[in-house]
Amino acid sequence: IFLPYKEQTRINTEKQEQFAKDLKEEQKRKETEEALTTCISDAEENYSSQWLKECKSQGKLSNSCIALIDMTSEEYIEKNKIPFDTYSDPMKYLDDLESLLINRRKKLAECSCSLPLSLADRVNDSLKTAKDECFKKYPQK
């Protein structure tokens, strides 16, 4: 005996299961993509930090650059006095904070130097290795 209602229920269940499976795969793909982006960003940040440390150890940076490199973002914000309680609009505070941190990044970029070739190669190789590890850890389909 053929029961159309039962067949339709089975089809609907299969569709729902497939939809849930597809949704889960898409979410996993997005999470992996975000993790890869974060990993690469961290590798690049570490590279920049390592490059500046090498510049510092070679004595190729000004005192103001050394002070900036040795300062955390939090310390930079504190030093440049952006007190949250003086803002009536939280979005304005966030905009000013973002501008301040962008300014810090620009100043840090200006602090760079040329390194001896062997040292530059070592730092560059560490970046390549870190990025390769990111792609192995978070493969893209």
C-alpha atoms as a PDB file:
ATOM      1  CA  ILE A   1       0.000   0.000   0.000  1.00  0.00           C
ATOM      2  CA  PHE A   2       1.389   3.387  -1.054  1.00  0.00           C
ATOM      3  CA  LEU A   3       0.891   6.144   1.487  1.00  0.00           C
ATOM      4  CA  PRO A   4       1.497   9.555  -0.119  1.00  0.00           C
ATOM      5  CA  TYR A   5       1.560  11.370   3.211  1.00  0.00           C
ATOM      6  CA  LYS A   6       4.232   9.039   4.579  1.00  0.00           C
ATOM      7  CA  GLU A   7       6.318   9.431   1.402  1.00  0.00           C
ATOM      8  CA  GLN A   8       6.019  13.226   1.539  1.00  0.00           C
ATOM      9  CA  THR A   9       7.050  13.198   5.208  1.00  0.00           C
ATOM     10  CA  ARG A  10      10.133  11.113   4.342  1.00  0.00           C
ATOM     11  CA  ILE A  11      11.058  13.514   1.508  1.00  0.00           C
ATOM     12  CA  ASN A  12      10.588  16.547   3.763  1.00  0.00           C
ATOM     13  CA  THR A  13      12.734  14.952   6.470  1.00  0.00           C
ATOM     14  CA  GLU A  14      15.508  14.228   3.960  1.00  0.00           C
ATOM     15  CA  LYS A  15      15.363  17.801   2.690  1.00  0.00           C
ATOM     16  CA  GLN A  16      15.572  19.184   6.233  1.00  0.00           C
ATOM     17  CA  GLU A  17      18.494  16.905   7.056  1.00  0.00           C
ATOM     18  CA  GLN A  18      20.327  17.953   3.880  1.00  0.00           C
ATOM     19  CA  PHE A  19      19.650  21.615   4.603  1.00  0.00           C
ATOM     20  CA  ALA A  20      20.991  21.232   8.159  1.00  0.00           C
ATOM     21  CA  LYS A  21      24.071  19.422   6.820  1.00  0.00           C
ATOM     22  CA  ASP A  22      24.694  22.138   4.202  1.00  0.00           C
ATOM     23  CA  LEU A  23      24.250  24.871   6.801  1.00  0.00           C
ATOM     24  CA  LYS A  24      26.708  23.177   9.167  1.00  0.00           C
ATOM     25  CA  GLU A  25      29.290  22.776   6.364  1.00  0.00           C
ATOM     26  CA  GLU A  26      28.924  26.446   5.381  1.00  0.00           C
ATOM     27  CA  GLN A  27      29.357  27.528   8.994  1.00  0.00           C
ATOM     28  CA  LYS A  28      32.470  25.355   9.327  1.00  0.00           C
ATOM     29  CA  ARG A  29      33.856  26.786   6.075  1.00  0.00           C
ATOM     30  CA  LYS A  30      33.310  30.352   7.320  1.00  0.00           C
ATOM     31  CA  GLU A  31      34.899  29.573  10.684  1.00  0.00           C
ATOM     32  CA  THR A  32      37.916  28.028   8.956  1.00  0.00           C
ATOM     33  CA  GLU A  33      38.206  31.028   6.637  1.00  0.00           C
ATOM     34  CA  GLU A  34      38.057  33.443   9.578  1.00  0.00           C
ATOM     35  CA  ALA A  35      40.620  31.384  11.500  1.00  0.00           C
ATOM     36  CA  LEU A  36      42.943  31.440   8.476  1.00  0.00           C
ATOM     37  CA  THR A  37      42.589  35.211   8.141  1.00  0.00           C
ATOM     38  CA  THR A  38      43.365  35.665  11.841  1.00  0.00           C
ATOM     39  CA  CYS A  39      46.323  33.287  11.653  1.00  0.00           C
ATOM     40  CA  ILE A  40      47.825  35.121   8.661  1.00  0.00           C
ATOM     41  CA  SER A  41      47.223  38.483  10.323  1.00  0.00           C
ATOM     42  CA  ASP A  42      48.982  37.253  13.475  1.00  0.00           C
ATOM     43  CA  ALA A  43      51.896  35.939  11.377  1.00  0.00           C
ATOM     44  CA  GLU A  44      52.255  39.309   9.654  1.00  0.00           C
ATOM     45  CA  GLU A  45      52.047  41.175  12.953  1.00  0.00           C
ATOM     46  CA  ASN A  46      54.720  38.908  14.448  1.00  0.00           C
ATOM     47  CA  TYR A  47      56.855  39.478  11.349  1.00  0.00           C
ATOM     48  CA  SER A  48      56.604  43.250  11.709  1.00  0.00           C
ATOM     49  CA  SER A  49      57.368  43.035  15.395  1.00  0.00           C
ATOM     50  CA  GLN A  50      60.367  40.785  14.772  1.00  0.00           C
ATOM     51  CA  TRP A  51      61.658  43.107  12.035  1.00  0.00           C
ATOM     52  CA  LEU A  52      61.446  46.117  14.358  1.00  0.00           C
ATOM     53  CA  LYS A  53      63.153  44.199  17.171  1.00  0.00           C
ATOM     54  CA  GLU A  54      66.009  43.394  14.786  1.00  0.00           C
ATOM     55  CA  CYS A  55      66.203  47.068  13.790  1.00  0.00           C
ATOM     56  CA  LYS A  56      66.354  47.959  17.477  1.00  0.00           C
ATOM     57  CA  SER A  57      69.065  45.384  18.209  1.00  0.00           C
ATOM     58  CA  GLN A  58      71.095  46.744  15.265  1.00  0.00           C
ATOM     59  CA  GLY A  59      70.849  50.259  16.749  1.00  0.00           C
ATOM     60  CA  LYS A  60      69.007  51.576  13.680  1.00  0.00           C
ATOM     61  CA  LEU A  61      66.044  53.209  15.438  1.00  0.00           C
ATOM     62  CA  SER A  62      65.521  56.601  17.022  1.00  0.00           C
ATOM     63  CA  ASN A  63      64.694  56.894  20.699  1.00  0.00           C
ATOM     64  CA  SER A  64      61.100  57.847  19.853  1.00  0.00           C
ATOM     65  CA  CYS A  65      60.736  54.690  17.738  1.00  0.00           C
ATOM     66  CA  ILE A  66      62.183  52.554  20.509  1.00  0.00           C
ATOM     67  CA  ALA A  67      59.730  54.082  22.995  1.00  0.00           C
ATOM     68  CA  LEU A  68      56.840  53.424  20.602  1.00  0.00           C
ATOM     69  CA  ILE A  69      57.889  49.810  19.962  1.00  0.00           C
ATOM     70  CA  ASP A  70      58.254  49.103  23.674  1.00  0.00           C
ATOM     71  CA  MET A  71      54.771  50.498  24.380  1.00  0.00           C
ATOM     72  CA  THR A  72      51.665  48.304  24.187  1.00  0.00           C
ATOM     73  CA  SER A  73      48.540  49.580  22.451  1.00  0.00           C
ATOM     74  CA  GLU A  74      46.920  50.003  25.853  1.00  0.00           C
ATOM     75  CA  GLU A  75      49.858  52.065  27.098  1.00  0.00           C
ATOM     76  CA  TYR A  76      49.735  54.160  23.920  1.00  0.00           C
ATOM     77  CA  ILE A  77      46.033  54.881  24.467  1.00  0.00           C
ATOM     78  CA  GLU A  78      46.684  55.791  28.102  1.00  0.00           C
ATOM     79  CA  LYS A  79      49.604  58.038  27.182  1.00  0.00           C
ATOM     80  CA  ASN A  80      47.489  59.834  24.570  1.00  0.00           C
ATOM     81  CA  LYS A  81      44.621  60.346  27.004  1.00  0.00           C
ATOM     82  CA  ILE A  82      41.379  59.193  25.490  1.00  0.00           C
ATOM     83  CA  PRO A  83      39.206  58.895  28.592  1.00  0.00           C
ATOM     84  CA  PHE A  84      35.944  57.147  27.808  1.00  0.00           C
ATOM     85  CA  ASP A  85      33.965  59.062  30.421  1.00  0.00           C
ATOM     86  CA  THR A  86      34.418  62.374  28.565  1.00  0.00           C
ATOM     87  CA  TYR A  87      32.407  61.101  25.576  1.00  0.00           C
ATOM     88  CA  SER A  88      28.647  61.314  25.445  1.00  0.00           C
ATOM     89  CA  ASP A  89      28.578  59.249  22.237  1.00  0.00           C
ATOM     90  CA  PRO A  90      30.244  55.818  22.509  1.00  0.00           C
ATOM     91  CA  MET A  91      30.580  55.614  18.709  1.00  0.00           C
ATOM     92  CA  LYS A  92      32.582  58.863  18.648  1.00  0.00           C
ATOM     93  CA  TYR A  93      34.864  57.394  21.300  1.00  0.00           C
ATOM     94  CA  LEU A  94      35.384  54.240  19.208  1.00  0.00           C
ATOM     95  CA  ASP A  95      36.083  56.333  16.098  1.00  0.00           C
ATOM     96  CA  ASP A  96      38.684  58.400  17.955  1.00  0.00           C
ATOM     97  CA  LEU A  97      40.205  55.271  19.458  1.00  0.00           C
ATOM     98  CA  GLU A  98      40.441  53.647  16.034  1.00  0.00           C
ATOM     99  CA  SER A  99      42.066  56.799  14.615  1.00  0.00           C
ATOM    100  CA  LEU A 100      44.583  56.789  17.443  1.00  0.00           C
ATOM    101  CA  LEU A 101      45.529  53.150  16.835  1.00  0.00           C
ATOM    102  CA  ILE A 102      45.794  53.728  13.069  1.00  0.00           C
ATOM    103  CA  ASN A 103      48.095  56.645  13.819  1.00  0.00           C
ATOM    104  CA  ARG A 104      50.224  54.363  16.016  1.00  0.00           C
ATOM    105  CA  ARG A 105      50.487  51.788  13.206  1.00  0.00           C
ATOM    106  CA  LYS A 106      51.580  54.520  10.778  1.00  0.00           C
ATOM    107  CA  LYS A 107      54.239  55.706  13.211  1.00  0.00           C
ATOM    108  CA  LEU A 108      55.452  52.141  13.708  1.00  0.00           C
ATOM    109  CA  ALA A 109      55.667  51.668   9.928  1.00  0.00           C
ATOM    110  CA  GLU A 110      57.870  54.760   9.723  1.00  0.00           C
ATOM    111  CA  CYS A 111      60.237  53.200  12.274  1.00  0.00           C
ATOM    112  CA  SER A 112      61.442  50.428   9.983  1.00  0.00           C
ATOM    113  CA  CYS A 113      65.004  50.006   8.745  1.00  0.00           C
ATOM    114  CA  SER A 114      67.086  48.043   6.273  1.00  0.00           C
ATOM    115  CA  LEU A 115      68.522  44.860   7.701  1.00  0.00           C
ATOM    116  CA  PRO A 116      71.586  42.933   6.560  1.00  0.00           C
ATOM    117  CA  LEU A 117      70.566  40.465   3.850  1.00  0.00           C
ATOM    118  CA  SER A 118      71.104  37.313   5.921  1.00  0.00           C
ATOM    119  CA  LEU A 119      69.064  38.731   8.795  1.00  0.00           C
ATOM    120  CA  ALA A 120      66.323  39.986   6.470  1.00  0.00           C
ATOM    121  CA  ASP A 121      66.169  36.550   4.826  1.00  0.00           C
ATOM    122  CA  ARG A 122      65.781  34.878   8.215  1.00  0.00           C
ATOM    123  CA  VAL A 123      62.935  37.206   9.222  1.00  0.00           C
ATOM    124  CA  ASN A 124      61.265  36.809   5.801  1.00  0.00           C
ATOM    125  CA  ASP A 125      61.600  33.020   6.011  1.00  0.00           C
ATOM    126  CA  SER A 126      59.923  33.042   9.414  1.00  0.00           C
ATOM    127  CA  LEU A 127      56.945  34.865   7.875  1.00  0.00           C
ATOM    128  CA  LYS A 128      56.714  32.369   5.023  1.00  0.00           C
ATOM    129  CA  THR A 129      56.917  29.451   7.461  1.00  0.00           C
ATOM    130  CA  ALA A 130      54.220  30.937   9.693  1.00  0.00           C
ATOM    131  CA  LYS A 131      51.899  31.539   6.726  1.00  0.00           C
ATOM    132  CA  ASP A 132      52.510  28.015   5.416  1.00  0.00           C
ATOM    133  CA  GLU A 133      51.573  26.652   8.847  1.00  0.00           C
ATOM    134  CA  CYS A 134      48.354  28.700   8.733  1.00  0.00           C
ATOM    135  CA  PHE A 135      47.385  27.159   5.390  1.00  0.00           C
ATOM    136  CA  LYS A 136      48.151  23.663   6.690  1.00  0.00           C
ATOM    137  CA  LYS A 137      46.186  24.233   9.878  1.00  0.00           C
ATOM    138  CA  TYR A 138      43.212  25.851   8.108  1.00  0.00           C
ATOM    139  CA  PRO A 139      42.994  24.324   4.606  1.00  0.00           C
ATOM    140  CA  GLN A 140      40.552  25.982   2.206  1.00  0.00           C
ATOM    141  CA  LYS A 141      38.302  23.960  -0.064  1.00  0.00           C
END
